[in-house]
PDB file of N, CA and C in Angstrom:
ATOM      1  N   MET A   1      80.414  80.394  39.458  1.00  0.00           N
ATOM      2  CA  MET A   1      81.074  81.896  39.162  1.00  0.00           C
ATOM      3  C   MET A   1      81.890  81.606  38.347  1.00  0.00           C
ATOM      4  N   THR A   2      82.409  83.021  37.476  1.00  0.00           N
ATOM      5  CA  THR A   2      83.234  83.440  36.744  1.00  0.00           C
ATOM      6  C   THR A   2      84.424  83.663  37.421  1.00  0.00           C
ATOM      7  N   LYS A   3      84.964  83.742  36.686  1.00  0.00           N
ATOM      8  CA  LYS A   3      86.985  83.703  37.036  1.00  0.00           C
ATOM      9  C   LYS A   3      86.789  85.365  37.006  1.00  0.00           C
ATOM     10  N   SER A   4      85.789  86.393  36.740  1.00  0.00           N
ATOM     11  CA  SER A   4      86.658  87.917  36.992  1.00  0.00           C
ATOM     12  C   SER A   4      86.531  87.782  38.663  1.00  0.00           C
ATOM     13  N   ARG A   5      84.850  87.037  39.248  1.00  0.00           N
ATOM     14  CA  ARG A   5      84.398  87.105  40.455  1.00  0.00           C
ATOM     15  C   ARG A   5      85.519  86.282  41.103  1.00  0.00           C
ATOM     16  N   LEU A   6      86.017  85.189  40.722  1.00  0.00           N
ATOM     17  CA  LEU A   6      87.087  84.776  41.650  1.00  0.00           C
ATOM     18  C   LEU A   6      88.070  85.665  42.071  1.00  0.00           C
ATOM     19  N   ILE A   7      88.459  86.131  40.853  1.00  0.00           N
ATOM     20  CA  ILE A   7      89.870  86.370  41.022  1.00  0.00           C
ATOM     21  C   ILE A   7      89.606  87.685  42.005  1.00  0.00           C
ATOM     22  N   ILE A   8      88.203  88.503  42.149  1.00  0.00           N
ATOM     23  CA  ILE A   8      88.326  89.731  42.816  1.00  0.00           C
ATOM     24  C   ILE A   8      88.279  89.309  44.538  1.00  0.00           C
ATOM     25  N   ILE A   9      87.600  88.455  44.218  1.00  0.00           N
ATOM     26  CA  ILE A   9      87.669  87.384  46.194  1.00  0.00           C
ATOM     27  C   ILE A   9      88.928  87.385  46.735  1.00  0.00           C
ATOM     28  N   SER A  10      88.939  86.473  45.677  1.00  0.00           N
ATOM     29  CA  SER A  10      90.974  86.437  45.807  1.00  0.00           C
ATOM     30  C   SER A  10      91.853  87.807  46.245  1.00  0.00           C
ATOM     31  N   LEU A  11      91.517  88.511  45.313  1.00  0.00           N
ATOM     32  CA  LEU A  11      92.370  89.815  46.054  1.00  0.00           C
ATOM     33  C   LEU A  11      91.486  90.515  47.309  1.00  0.00           C
ATOM     34  N   LEU A  12      90.553  90.379  47.496  1.00  0.00           N
ATOM     35  CA  LEU A  12      89.903  90.874  49.041  1.00  0.00           C
ATOM     36  C   LEU A  12      90.464  90.088  49.992  1.00  0.00           C
ATOM     37  N   CYS A  13      90.161  88.645  50.065  1.00  0.00           N
ATOM     38  CA  CYS A  13      91.415  88.107  51.047  1.00  0.00           C
ATOM     39  C   CYS A  13      91.955  88.109  50.794  1.00  0.00           C
ATOM     40  N   CYS A  14      93.215  88.606  50.187  1.00  0.00           N
ATOM     41  CA  CYS A  14      94.983  88.812  50.457  1.00  0.00           C
ATOM     42  C   CYS A  14      94.739  90.202  50.828  1.00  0.00           C
ATOM     43  N   THR A  15      93.641  91.493  50.282  1.00  0.00           N
ATOM     44  CA  THR A  15      93.942  92.761  51.088  1.00  0.00           C
ATOM     45  C   THR A  15      93.322  92.524  52.514  1.00  0.00           C
ATOM     46  N   THR A  16      92.686  91.584  52.864  1.00  0.00           N
ATOM     47  CA  THR A  16      92.397  91.719  54.659  1.00  0.00           C
ATOM     48  C   THR A  16      92.873  91.099  55.461  1.00  0.00           C
ATOM     49  N   LEU A  17      93.958  90.317  54.676  1.00  0.00           N
ATOM     50  CA  LEU A  17      95.190  89.146  55.400  1.00  0.00           C
ATOM     51  C   LEU A  17      96.190  90.579  55.988  1.00  0.00           C
ATOM     52  N   ALA A  18      96.457  90.876  54.766  1.00  0.00           N
ATOM     53  CA  ALA A  18      97.185  91.936  54.771  1.00  0.00           C
ATOM     54  C   ALA A  18      97.425  93.316  56.148  1.00  0.00           C
ATOM     55  N   ILE A  19      96.401  93.469  55.690  1.00  0.00           N
ATOM     56  CA  ILE A  19      95.641  94.838  56.856  1.00  0.00           C
ATOM     57  C   ILE A  19      95.683  93.937  58.059  1.00  0.00           C
ATOM     58  N   THR A  20      95.458  92.922  58.245  1.00  0.00           N
ATOM     59  CA  THR A  20      95.519  92.231  59.443  1.00  0.00           C
ATOM     60  C   THR A  20      96.618  92.077  59.979  1.00  0.00           C
ATOM     61  N   ALA A  21      98.177  91.794  59.274  1.00  0.00           N
ATOM     62  CA  ALA A  21      98.899  91.211  59.888  1.00  0.00           C
ATOM     63  C   ALA A  21      99.844  93.183  60.320  1.00  0.00           C
ATOM     64  N   GLY A  22      99.378  93.535  59.318  1.00  0.00           N
ATOM     65  CA  GLY A  22     100.138  94.987  59.522  1.00  0.00           C
ATOM     66  C   GLY A  22      99.681  95.912  60.839  1.00  0.00           C
ATOM     67  N   SER A  23      98.252  95.940  61.307  1.00  0.00           N
ATOM     68  CA  SER A  23      97.697  95.595  62.126  1.00  0.00           C
ATOM     69  C   SER A  23      98.445  95.110  63.849  1.00  0.00           C
ATOM     70  N   THR A  24      99.172  93.986  63.877  1.00  0.00           N
ATOM     71  CA  THR A  24      99.931  93.746  64.796  1.00  0.00           C
ATOM     72  C   THR A  24     100.410  94.706  65.409  1.00  0.00           C
ATOM     73  N   GLN A  25      99.722  94.563  67.180  1.00  0.00           N
ATOM     74  CA  GLN A  25     100.483  95.732  67.460  1.00  0.00           C
ATOM     75  C   GLN A  25     101.850  94.485  67.946  1.00  0.00           C
ATOM     76  N   ALA A  26     103.364  95.701  68.597  1.00  0.00           N
ATOM     77  CA  ALA A  26     104.383  95.070  69.287  1.00  0.00           C
ATOM     78  C   ALA A  26     104.283  95.313  71.025  1.00  0.00           C
ATOM     79  N   GLN A  27     104.438  94.704  71.153  1.00  0.00           N
ATOM     80  CA  GLN A  27     105.124  95.270  72.872  1.00  0.00           C
ATOM     81  C   GLN A  27     106.511  94.812  73.215  1.00  0.00           C
ATOM     82  N   THR A  28     106.320  96.273  74.135  1.00  0.00           N
ATOM     83  CA  THR A  28     107.769  96.019  74.933  1.00  0.00           C
ATOM     84  C   THR A  28     107.924  95.018  76.169  1.00  0.00           C
ATOM     85  N   LEU A  29     108.807  93.970  75.774  1.00  0.00           N
ATOM     86  CA  LEU A  29     109.052  93.086  76.967  1.00  0.00           C
ATOM     87  C   LEU A  29     110.419  93.637  77.458  1.00  0.00           C
ATOM     88  N   TYR A  30     110.479  93.051  78.606  1.00  0.00           N
ATOM     89  CA  TYR A  30     111.333  93.815  79.627  1.00  0.00           C
ATOM     90  C   TYR A  30     112.077  93.033  81.026  1.00  0.00           C
ATOM     91  N   ASP A  31     112.939  92.617  80.360  1.00  0.00           N
ATOM     92  CA  ASP A  31     114.097  92.299  82.023  1.00  0.00           C
ATOM     93  C   ASP A  31     113.975  93.159  82.993  1.00  0.00           C
ATOM     94  N   ILE A  32     113.784  92.444  83.921  1.00  0.00           N
ATOM     95  CA  ILE A  32     113.444  93.108  85.795  1.00  0.00           C
ATOM     96  C   ILE A  32     114.467  92.565  86.316  1.00  0.00           C
ATOM     97  N   GLU A  33     115.463  93.136  86.674  1.00  0.00           N
ATOM     98  CA  GLU A  33     116.811  92.712  87.283  1.00  0.00           C
ATOM     99  C   GLU A  33     116.742  93.863  88.599  1.00  0.00           C
ATOM    100  N   GLY A  34     117.180  92.963  89.937  1.00  0.00           N
ATOM    101  CA  GLY A  34     118.018  94.638  91.291  1.00  0.00           C
ATOM    102  C   GLY A  34     118.234  93.114  91.931  1.00  0.00           C
ATOM    103  N   VAL A  35     119.067  93.955  93.262  1.00  0.00           N
ATOM    104  CA  VAL A  35     119.178  93.227  93.902  1.00  0.00           C
ATOM    105  C   VAL A  35     118.184  93.320  95.073  1.00  0.00           C
ATOM    106  N   ILE A  36     117.932  92.573  96.235  1.00  0.00           N
ATOM    107  CA  ILE A  36     117.451  92.713  97.794  1.00  0.00           C
ATOM    108  C   ILE A  36     118.592  92.525  98.393  1.00  0.00           C
ATOM    109  N   GLU A  37     118.333  94.017  99.339  1.00  0.00           N
ATOM    110  CA  GLU A  37     119.213  94.030 100.548  1.00  0.00           C
ATOM    111  C   GLU A  37     119.054  94.871 101.969  1.00  0.00           C
ATOM    112  N   GLY A  38     119.735  94.580 102.854  1.00  0.00           N
ATOM    113  CA  GLY A  38     119.408  95.102 103.943  1.00  0.00           C
ATOM    114  C   GLY A  38     119.503  95.976 104.055  1.00  0.00           C
ATOM    115  N   SER A  39     119.266  96.870 105.213  1.00  0.00           N
ATOM    116  CA  SER A  39     119.072  98.703 106.274  1.00  0.00           C
ATOM    117  C   SER A  39     120.849  99.133 105.690  1.00  0.00           C
ATOM    118  N   ASP A  40     121.925  98.036 106.069  1.00  0.00           N
ATOM    119  CA  ASP A  40     123.253  98.309 105.808  1.00  0.00           C
ATOM    120  C   ASP A  40     123.536  97.952 104.777  1.00  0.00           C
ATOM    121  N   SER A  41     122.349  97.312 103.835  1.00  0.00           N
ATOM    122  CA  SER A  41     123.625  97.697 102.598  1.00  0.00           C
ATOM    123  C   SER A  41     123.983  96.072 101.832  1.00  0.00           C
ATOM    124  N   THR A  42     123.882  94.964 103.194  1.00  0.00           N
ATOM    125  CA  THR A  42     123.911  93.787 102.814  1.00  0.00           C
ATOM    126  C   THR A  42     123.221  92.961 101.897  1.00  0.00           C
ATOM    127  N   PRO A  43     123.320  92.627 100.609  1.00  0.00           N
ATOM    128  CA  PRO A  43     122.691  91.770  99.950  1.00  0.00           C
ATOM    129  C   PRO A  43     122.169  90.842 100.294  1.00  0.00           C
ATOM    130  N   ILE A  44     120.796  90.554 100.073  1.00  0.00           N
ATOM    131  CA  ILE A  44     120.783  89.227 100.923  1.00  0.00           C
ATOM    132  C   ILE A  44     119.567  88.108  99.876  1.00  0.00           C
ATOM    133  N   GLY A  45     120.004  86.810 100.507  1.00  0.00           N
ATOM    134  CA  GLY A  45     120.069  85.583  99.220  1.00  0.00           C
ATOM    135  C   GLY A  45     119.014  84.634 100.194  1.00  0.00           C
ATOM    136  N   GLY A  46     118.444  83.891  99.328  1.00  0.00           N
ATOM    137  CA  GLY A  46     116.938  83.402  99.794  1.00  0.00           C
ATOM    138  C   GLY A  46     116.219  83.803  99.597  1.00  0.00           C
ATOM    139  N   VAL A  47     115.667  85.319  99.689  1.00  0.00           N
ATOM    140  CA  VAL A  47     114.850  86.085  99.584  1.00  0.00           C
ATOM    141  C   VAL A  47     114.005  85.411  98.448  1.00  0.00           C
ATOM    142  N   ALA A  48     112.391  84.984  98.344  1.00  0.00           N
ATOM    143  CA  ALA A  48     111.471  85.044  97.230  1.00  0.00           C
ATOM    144  C   ALA A  48     110.986  86.331  97.292  1.00  0.00           C
ATOM    145  N   VAL A  49     111.277  86.254  95.602  1.00  0.00           N
ATOM    146  CA  VAL A  49     110.617  87.529  94.738  1.00  0.00           C
ATOM    147  C   VAL A  49     109.835  87.399  94.265  1.00  0.00           C
ATOM    148  N   LEU A  50     108.922  87.821  93.658  1.00  0.00           N
ATOM    149  CA  LEU A  50     107.223  87.439  93.408  1.00  0.00           C
ATOM    150  C   LEU A  50     106.897  88.458  92.615  1.00  0.00           C
ATOM    151  N   LEU A  51     106.433  88.510  91.150  1.00  0.00           N
ATOM    152  CA  LEU A  51     106.188  89.421  90.493  1.00  0.00           C
ATOM    153  C   LEU A  51     104.428  89.043  90.520  1.00  0.00           C
ATOM    154  N   GLU A  52     103.356  89.896  90.204  1.00  0.00           N
ATOM    155  CA  GLU A  52     101.896  90.155  89.943  1.00  0.00           C
ATOM    156  C   GLU A  52     101.247  90.767  89.641  1.00  0.00           C
ATOM    157  N   ASP A  53     100.400  90.497  88.979  1.00  0.00           N
ATOM    158  CA  ASP A  53      99.741  91.282  87.795  1.00  0.00           C
ATOM    159  C   ASP A  53      98.734  92.378  88.786  1.00  0.00           C
ATOM    160  N   LEU A  54      98.202  93.369  88.686  1.00  0.00           N
ATOM    161  CA  LEU A  54      96.907  94.318  89.095  1.00  0.00           C
ATOM    162  C   LEU A  54      96.163  93.262  90.254  1.00  0.00           C
ATOM    163  N   THR A  55      96.046  92.461  89.740  1.00  0.00           N
ATOM    164  CA  THR A  55      94.317  91.916  90.727  1.00  0.00           C
ATOM    165  C   THR A  55      95.611  90.927  91.744  1.00  0.00           C
ATOM    166  N   ARG A  56      96.855  90.766  91.625  1.00  0.00           N
ATOM    167  CA  ARG A  56      97.570  90.621  92.845  1.00  0.00           C
ATOM    168  C   ARG A  56      97.920  89.273  92.593  1.00  0.00           C
ATOM    169  N   ALA A  57      97.640  88.686  91.198  1.00  0.00           N
ATOM    170  CA  ALA A  57      98.043  86.824  91.060  1.00  0.00           C
ATOM    171  C   ALA A  57      99.253  87.173  90.958  1.00  0.00           C
ATOM    172  N   ARG A  58     100.268  85.540  91.200  1.00  0.00           N
ATOM    173  CA  ARG A  58     101.152  85.582  91.210  1.00  0.00           C
ATOM    174  C   ARG A  58     101.794  85.277  88.814  1.00  0.00           C
ATOM    175  N   ILE A  59     102.343  85.777  88.569  1.00  0.00           N
ATOM    176  CA  ILE A  59     103.043  86.045  87.250  1.00  0.00           C
ATOM    177  C   ILE A  59     104.118  85.143  87.383  1.00  0.00           C
ATOM    178  N   ALA A  60     104.842  84.901  88.488  1.00  0.00           N
ATOM    179  CA  ALA A  60     106.412  84.371  88.307  1.00  0.00           C
ATOM    180  C   ALA A  60     106.862  84.445  89.540  1.00  0.00           C
ATOM    181  N   GLN A  61     107.889  83.278  89.720  1.00  0.00           N
ATOM    182  CA  GLN A  61     108.677  83.235  91.045  1.00  0.00           C
ATOM    183  C   GLN A  61     110.289  83.248  91.035  1.00  0.00           C
ATOM    184  N   THR A  62     111.102  84.181  91.525  1.00  0.00           N
ATOM    185  CA  THR A  62     111.534  83.675  91.961  1.00  0.00           C
ATOM    186  C   THR A  62     112.749  83.705  93.198  1.00  0.00           C
ATOM    187  N   ILE A  63     113.847  82.692  93.796  1.00  0.00           N
ATOM    188  CA  ILE A  63     114.802  83.503  94.832  1.00  0.00           C
ATOM    189  C   ILE A  63     116.162  83.719  94.532  1.00  0.00           C
ATOM    190  N   THR A  64     116.395  84.728  95.043  1.00  0.00           N
ATOM    191  CA  THR A  64     117.607  85.666  95.302  1.00  0.00           C
ATOM    192  C   THR A  64     118.793  84.524  95.399  1.00  0.00           C
ATOM    193  N   SER A  65     119.448  84.824  94.448  1.00  0.00           N
ATOM    194  CA  SER A  65     121.202  84.199  94.607  1.00  0.00           C
ATOM    195  C   SER A  65     121.561  84.711  96.128  1.00  0.00           C
ATOM    196  N   THR A  66     123.144  84.267  96.735  1.00  0.00           N
ATOM    197  CA  THR A  66     123.752  84.486  97.858  1.00  0.00           C
ATOM    198  C   THR A  66     124.014  85.888  97.827  1.00  0.00           C
ATOM    199  N   ASP A  67     123.664  86.580  96.070  1.00  0.00           N
ATOM    200  CA  ASP A  67     124.594  87.702  96.788  1.00  0.00           C
ATOM    201  C   ASP A  67     123.288  88.662  96.541  1.00  0.00           C
ATOM    202  N   GLY A  68     122.729  89.037  96.808  1.00  0.00           N
ATOM    203  CA  GLY A  68     121.037  88.950  96.515  1.00  0.00           C
ATOM    204  C   GLY A  68     120.063  89.468  95.262  1.00  0.00           C
ATOM    205  N   ARG A  69     120.705  89.072  94.208  1.00  0.00           N
ATOM    206  CA  ARG A  69     120.441  89.536  92.916  1.00  0.00           C
ATOM    207  C   ARG A  69     119.176  88.356  92.717  1.00  0.00           C
ATOM    208  N   TYR A  70     117.917  89.043  91.056  1.00  0.00           N
ATOM    209  CA  TYR A  70     116.750  88.409  91.479  1.00  0.00           C
ATOM    210  C   TYR A  70     116.192  88.932  89.425  1.00  0.00           C
ATOM    211  N   ARG A  71     116.045  88.332  89.208  1.00  0.00           N
ATOM    212  CA  ARG A  71     115.674  88.538  87.268  1.00  0.00           C
ATOM    213  C   ARG A  71     114.622  88.025  86.927  1.00  0.00           C
ATOM    214  N   PHE A  72     113.657  88.131  86.170  1.00  0.00           N
ATOM    215  CA  PHE A  72     112.874  88.194  85.663  1.00  0.00           C
ATOM    216  C   PHE A  72     112.892  88.520  84.480  1.00  0.00           C
ATOM    217  N   SER A  73     112.865  87.294  83.026  1.00  0.00           N
ATOM    218  CA  SER A  73     113.082  87.828  81.701  1.00  0.00           C
ATOM    219  C   SER A  73     112.032  87.862  81.191  1.00  0.00           C
ATOM    220  N   ARG A  74     111.895  88.621  79.753  1.00  0.00           N
ATOM    221  CA  ARG A  74     111.073  88.804  79.250  1.00  0.00           C
ATOM    222  C   ARG A  74     109.472  89.275  79.682  1.00  0.00           C
ATOM    223  N   VAL A  75     109.009  90.315  80.293  1.00  0.00           N
ATOM    224  CA  VAL A  75     107.322  90.537  81.334  1.00  0.00           C
ATOM    225  C   VAL A  75     107.210  91.523  79.970  1.00  0.00           C
ATOM    226  N   ILE A  76     105.865  91.038  79.525  1.00  0.00           N
ATOM    227  CA  ILE A  76     105.348  92.411  78.635  1.00  0.00           C
ATOM    228  C   ILE A  76     104.728  93.552  79.750  1.00  0.00           C
ATOM    229  N   ALA A  77     104.996  94.896  78.399  1.00  0.00           N
ATOM    230  CA  ALA A  77     104.702  96.065  79.031  1.00  0.00           C
ATOM    231  C   ALA A  77     103.308  95.803  80.134  1.00  0.00           C
ATOM    232  N   GLY A  78     103.581  96.595  81.167  1.00  0.00           N
ATOM    233  CA  GLY A  78     101.712  96.542  81.876  1.00  0.00           C
ATOM    234  C   GLY A  78     102.594  97.126  83.494  1.00  0.00           C
ATOM    235  N   THR A  79     101.307  96.905  84.342  1.00  0.00           N
ATOM    236  CA  THR A  79     101.951  97.743  85.527  1.00  0.00           C
ATOM    237  C   THR A  79     101.200  96.009  86.822  1.00  0.00           C
ATOM    238  N   TYR A  80     102.805  95.804  86.961  1.00  0.00           N
ATOM    239  CA  TYR A  80     103.230  94.972  87.981  1.00  0.00           C
ATOM    240  C   TYR A  80     103.096  94.782  89.895  1.00  0.00           C
ATOM    241  N   TYR A  81     103.035  94.271  90.612  1.00  0.00           N
ATOM    242  CA  TYR A  81     103.781  94.489  91.763  1.00  0.00           C
ATOM    243  C   TYR A  81     105.257  93.863  92.182  1.00  0.00           C
ATOM    244  N   LEU A  82     105.913  94.175  92.245  1.00  0.00           N
ATOM    245  CA  LEU A  82     107.112  93.214  92.853  1.00  0.00           C
ATOM    246  C   LEU A  82     107.679  93.139  94.254  1.00  0.00           C
ATOM    247  N   VAL A  83     106.841  91.936  95.482  1.00  0.00           N
ATOM    248  CA  VAL A  83     106.932  91.178  96.147  1.00  0.00           C
ATOM    249  C   VAL A  83     107.775  90.429  96.644  1.00  0.00           C
ATOM    250  N   ALA A  84     109.270  91.369  97.929  1.00  0.00           N
ATOM    251  CA  ALA A  84     109.888  89.980  98.140  1.00  0.00           C
ATOM    252  C   ALA A  84     109.617  89.717  99.916  1.00  0.00           C
ATOM    253  N   LYS A  85     109.651  88.531  99.741  1.00  0.00           N
ATOM    254  CA  LYS A  85     109.990  88.304 101.168  1.00  0.00           C
ATOM    255  C   LYS A  85     110.711  87.138 101.585  1.00  0.00           C
ATOM    256  N   PRO A  86     111.229  87.789 102.662  1.00  0.00           N
ATOM    257  CA  PRO A  86     112.727  87.041 103.256  1.00  0.00           C
ATOM    258  C   PRO A  86     112.424  85.793 104.272  1.00  0.00           C
ATOM    259  N   ASN A  87     113.106  85.403 103.818  1.00  0.00           N
ATOM    260  CA  ASN A  87     112.882  83.732 104.237  1.00  0.00           C
ATOM    261  C   ASN A  87     113.216  83.541 106.201  1.00  0.00           C
ATOM    262  N   SER A  88     113.764  85.451 106.503  1.00  0.00           N
ATOM    263  CA  SER A  88     113.735  84.635 107.769  1.00  0.00           C
ATOM    264  C   SER A  88     112.325  85.628 108.133  1.00  0.00           C
ATOM    265  N   SER A  89     112.199  86.097 109.963  1.00  0.00           N
ATOM    266  CA  SER A  89     111.733  86.945 110.313  1.00  0.00           C
ATOM    267  C   SER A  89     112.555  88.007 111.084  1.00  0.00           C
ATOM    268  N   GLU A  90     113.566  88.331 110.291  1.00  0.00           N
ATOM    269  CA  GLU A  90     114.751  89.020 110.448  1.00  0.00           C
ATOM    270  C   GLU A  90     114.026  90.315 110.098  1.00  0.00           C
ATOM    271  N   PHE A  91     114.126  90.242 108.538  1.00  0.00           N
ATOM    272  CA  PHE A  91     113.653  91.159 107.610  1.00  0.00           C
ATOM    273  C   PHE A  91     111.445  91.504 107.635  1.00  0.00           C
ATOM    274  N   ARG A  92     111.505  92.643 107.497  1.00  0.00           N
ATOM    275  CA  ARG A  92     109.972  92.207 106.558  1.00  0.00           C
ATOM    276  C   ARG A  92     109.336  92.493 105.979  1.00  0.00           C
ATOM    277  N   SER A  93     108.393  92.098 104.827  1.00  0.00           N
ATOM    278  CA  SER A  93     107.996  91.552 103.376  1.00  0.00           C
ATOM    279  C   SER A  93     108.416  93.365 103.093  1.00  0.00           C
ATOM    280  N   ALA A  94     108.520  93.268 101.266  1.00  0.00           N
ATOM    281  CA  ALA A  94     108.620  94.858 101.024  1.00  0.00           C
ATOM    282  C   ALA A  94     107.771  94.429  99.706  1.00  0.00           C
ATOM    283  N   VAL A  95     106.858  95.674  99.163  1.00  0.00           N
ATOM    284  CA  VAL A  95     106.041  95.262  98.027  1.00  0.00           C
ATOM    285  C   VAL A  95     106.079  96.554  97.211  1.00  0.00           C
ATOM    286  N   ARG A  96     107.144  96.871  95.880  1.00  0.00           N
ATOM    287  CA  ARG A  96     106.683  97.808  94.844  1.00  0.00           C
ATOM    288  C   ARG A  96     106.472  97.683  93.863  1.00  0.00           C
ATOM    289  N   ARG A  97     105.201  98.646  93.674  1.00  0.00           N
ATOM    290  CA  ARG A  97     104.267  99.320  92.520  1.00  0.00           C
ATOM    291  C   ARG A  97     105.360  99.282  91.082  1.00  0.00           C
ATOM    292  N   LEU A  98     105.261  98.127  89.569  1.00  0.00           N
ATOM    293  CA  LEU A  98     106.207  98.667  89.096  1.00  0.00           C
ATOM    294  C   LEU A  98     105.596  98.886  87.165  1.00  0.00           C
ATOM    295  N   GLU A  99     105.904 100.304  86.876  1.00  0.00           N
ATOM    296  CA  GLU A  99     104.560 100.137  86.116  1.00  0.00           C
ATOM    297  C   GLU A  99     106.004 100.237  84.445  1.00  0.00           C
ATOM    298  N   LEU A 100     105.341  99.375  83.666  1.00  0.00           N
ATOM    299  CA  LEU A 100     106.473  98.947  82.422  1.00  0.00           C
ATOM    300  C   LEU A 100     105.560  99.618  81.122  1.00  0.00           C
ATOM    301  N   ILE A 101     106.217 100.622  81.143  1.00  0.00           N
ATOM    302  CA  ILE A 101     105.385 101.332  79.640  1.00  0.00           C
ATOM    303  C   ILE A 101     106.462 100.709  78.067  1.00  0.00           C
ATOM    304  N   ASP A 102     104.680 100.452  77.267  1.00  0.00           N
ATOM    305  CA  ASP A 102     105.309  99.971  75.884  1.00  0.00           C
ATOM    306  C   ASP A 102     105.622 101.344  75.223  1.00  0.00           C
ATOM    307  N   THR A 103     106.814 100.844  74.573  1.00  0.00           N
ATOM    308  CA  THR A 103     107.452 101.916  73.955  1.00  0.00           C
ATOM    309  C   THR A 103     108.099 101.237  72.556  1.00  0.00           C
ATOM    310  N   SER A 104     107.157 100.436  71.921  1.00  0.00           N
ATOM    311  CA  SER A 104     107.704  99.899  71.031  1.00  0.00           C
ATOM    312  C   SER A 104     106.765 100.493  69.791  1.00  0.00           C
ATOM    313  N   ARG A 105     106.923 100.296  68.559  1.00  0.00           N
ATOM    314  CA  ARG A 105     106.216 100.772  67.734  1.00  0.00           C
ATOM    315  C   ARG A 105     105.920  99.866  66.606  1.00  0.00           C
ATOM    316  N   SER A 106     106.684  99.234  66.462  1.00  0.00           N
ATOM    317  CA  SER A 106     106.838  97.985  65.302  1.00  0.00           C
ATOM    318  C   SER A 106     107.611  96.833  66.049  1.00  0.00           C
ATOM    319  N   GLY A 107     107.551  95.692  65.910  1.00  0.00           N
ATOM    320  CA  GLY A 107     108.651  94.069  66.105  1.00  0.00           C
ATOM    321  C   GLY A 107     108.601  94.508  67.906  1.00  0.00           C
ATOM    322  N   VAL A 108     109.229  93.872  68.286  1.00  0.00           N
ATOM    323  CA  VAL A 108     109.572  93.626  69.654  1.00  0.00           C
ATOM    324  C   VAL A 108     110.412  94.588  70.148  1.00  0.00           C
ATOM    325  N   ALA A 109     110.391  95.072  70.549  1.00  0.00           N
ATOM    326  CA  ALA A 109     111.688  96.141  71.594  1.00  0.00           C
ATOM    327  C   ALA A 109     111.949  95.644  72.985  1.00  0.00           C
ATOM    328  N   PRO A 110     113.007  95.499  72.741  1.00  0.00           N
ATOM    329  CA  PRO A 110     113.587  94.538  74.517  1.00  0.00           C
ATOM    330  C   PRO A 110     113.946  95.771  75.941  1.00  0.00           C
ATOM    331  N   ALA A 111     113.588  95.680  76.364  1.00  0.00           N
ATOM    332  CA  ALA A 111     113.999  96.990  77.380  1.00  0.00           C
ATOM    333  C   ALA A 111     114.437  96.153  79.214  1.00  0.00           C
ATOM    334  N   ASN A 112     115.022  96.764  79.748  1.00  0.00           N
ATOM    335  CA  ASN A 112     115.853  96.883  81.069  1.00  0.00           C
ATOM    336  C   ASN A 112     115.615  97.614  82.243  1.00  0.00           C
ATOM    337  N   GLU A 113     114.555  97.441  83.251  1.00  0.00           N
ATOM    338  CA  GLU A 113     114.359  97.251  84.762  1.00  0.00           C
ATOM    339  C   GLU A 113     115.109  97.031  85.448  1.00  0.00           C
ATOM    340  N   ARG A 114     115.799  97.933  86.621  1.00  0.00           N
ATOM    341  CA  ARG A 114     115.822  97.791  87.790  1.00  0.00           C
ATOM    342  C   ARG A 114     115.656  98.099  88.602  1.00  0.00           C
ATOM    343  N   VAL A 115     115.616  97.648  89.736  1.00  0.00           N
ATOM    344  CA  VAL A 115     114.424  97.848  90.833  1.00  0.00           C
ATOM    345  C   VAL A 115     115.474  97.132  91.960  1.00  0.00           C
ATOM    346  N   ASP A 116     115.553  98.246  92.532  1.00  0.00           N
ATOM    347  CA  ASP A 116     116.513  97.455  94.195  1.00  0.00           C
ATOM    348  C   ASP A 116     115.988  97.316  94.925  1.00  0.00           C
ATOM    349  N   ILE A 117     115.408  96.551  96.100  1.00  0.00           N
ATOM    350  CA  ILE A 117     114.532  96.588  96.940  1.00  0.00           C
ATOM    351  C   ILE A 117     115.352  96.862  98.297  1.00  0.00           C
ATOM    352  N   THR A 118     115.221  97.527  99.311  1.00  0.00           N
ATOM    353  CA  THR A 118     115.729  97.452 100.809  1.00  0.00           C
ATOM    354  C   THR A 118     115.233  97.059 101.690  1.00  0.00           C
ATOM    355  N   LEU A 119     114.904  95.708 102.204  1.00  0.00           N
ATOM    356  CA  LEU A 119     114.568  95.134 103.692  1.00  0.00           C
ATOM    357  C   LEU A 119     114.617  96.451 104.584  1.00  0.00           C
ATOM    358  N   GLU A 120     113.335  96.852 104.758  1.00  0.00           N
ATOM    359  CA  GLU A 120     113.302  97.096 106.807  1.00  0.00           C
ATOM    360  C   GLU A 120     113.490  95.749 107.580  1.00  0.00           C
ATOM    361  N   ALA A 121     114.768  96.377 109.050  1.00  0.00           N
ATOM    362  CA  ALA A 121     114.716  95.332 109.995  1.00  0.00           C
ATOM    363  C   ALA A 121     113.387  94.863 111.069  1.00  0.00           C
ATOM    364  N   MET A 122     112.578  93.829 111.151  1.00  0.00           N
ATOM    365  CA  MET A 122     111.392  94.289 111.743  1.00  0.00           C
ATOM    366  C   MET A 122     112.187  94.307 113.290  1.00  0.00           C
ATOM    367  N   PRO A 123     111.131  95.570 113.812  1.00  0.00           N
ATOM    368  CA  PRO A 123     111.321  95.864 115.126  1.00  0.00           C
ATOM    369  C   PRO A 123     111.909  94.397 116.787  1.00  0.00           C
ATOM    370  N   ARG A 124     112.700  95.104 117.236  1.00  0.00           N
ATOM    371  CA  ARG A 124     113.233  94.334 118.113  1.00  0.00           C
ATOM    372  C   ARG A 124     112.464  93.871 119.420  1.00  0.00           C
ATOM    373  N   ARG A 125     111.808  92.706 119.783  1.00  0.00           N
ATOM    374  CA  ARG A 125     111.346  92.643 121.035  1.00  0.00           C
ATOM    375  C   ARG A 125     112.223  93.144 122.138  1.00  0.00           C
ATOM    376  N   ILE A 126     111.310  93.515 122.860  1.00  0.00           N
ATOM    377  CA  ILE A 126     112.180  93.529 124.478  1.00  0.00           C
ATOM    378  C   ILE A 126     111.820  92.708 125.503  1.00  0.00           C
ATOM    379  N   GLU A 127     112.146  91.934 126.391  1.00  0.00           N
ATOM    380  CA  GLU A 127     112.212  91.388 127.134  1.00  0.00           C
ATOM    381  C   GLU A 127     111.687  91.750 128.472  1.00  0.00           C
ATOM    382  N   PRO A 128     110.717  91.700 128.942  1.00  0.00           N
ATOM    383  CA  PRO A 128     110.627  92.384 130.084  1.00  0.00           C
ATOM    384  C   PRO A 128     111.567  91.729 131.480  1.00  0.00           C
ATOM    385  N   LYS A 129     112.344  92.998 132.526  1.00  0.00           N
ATOM    386  CA  LYS A 129     112.891  92.535 133.140  1.00  0.00           C
ATOM    387  C   LYS A 129     112.132  91.361 134.377  1.00  0.00           C
TER     388      LYS A 129
END
């Protein structure tokens, strides 16, 4: 190969790498947080909170603190389900659909999403007399 052909090939490779690097899409990363509470607005600790994708596959899981708080960090933009599963039979489980929009143009754009969930009480059984 001649020297001029090697230079042209080198320039084409460098240009291709620059174009590829420039086309890398950034994604918005979300911190999702909230409070799980009962219908009387009392925070509920010990609730399992699941983060699931559209196929309902579990992405992450956490347990609420004593003040009912939960948090998921660095979740990429997309559509998810938040599932709150109480640790007692006093409350029903709850599911919330969540759409996290990619708002970044370049680089990584952090964002916060707050989702508070109120759990409904299970109906009380009336015992026959």
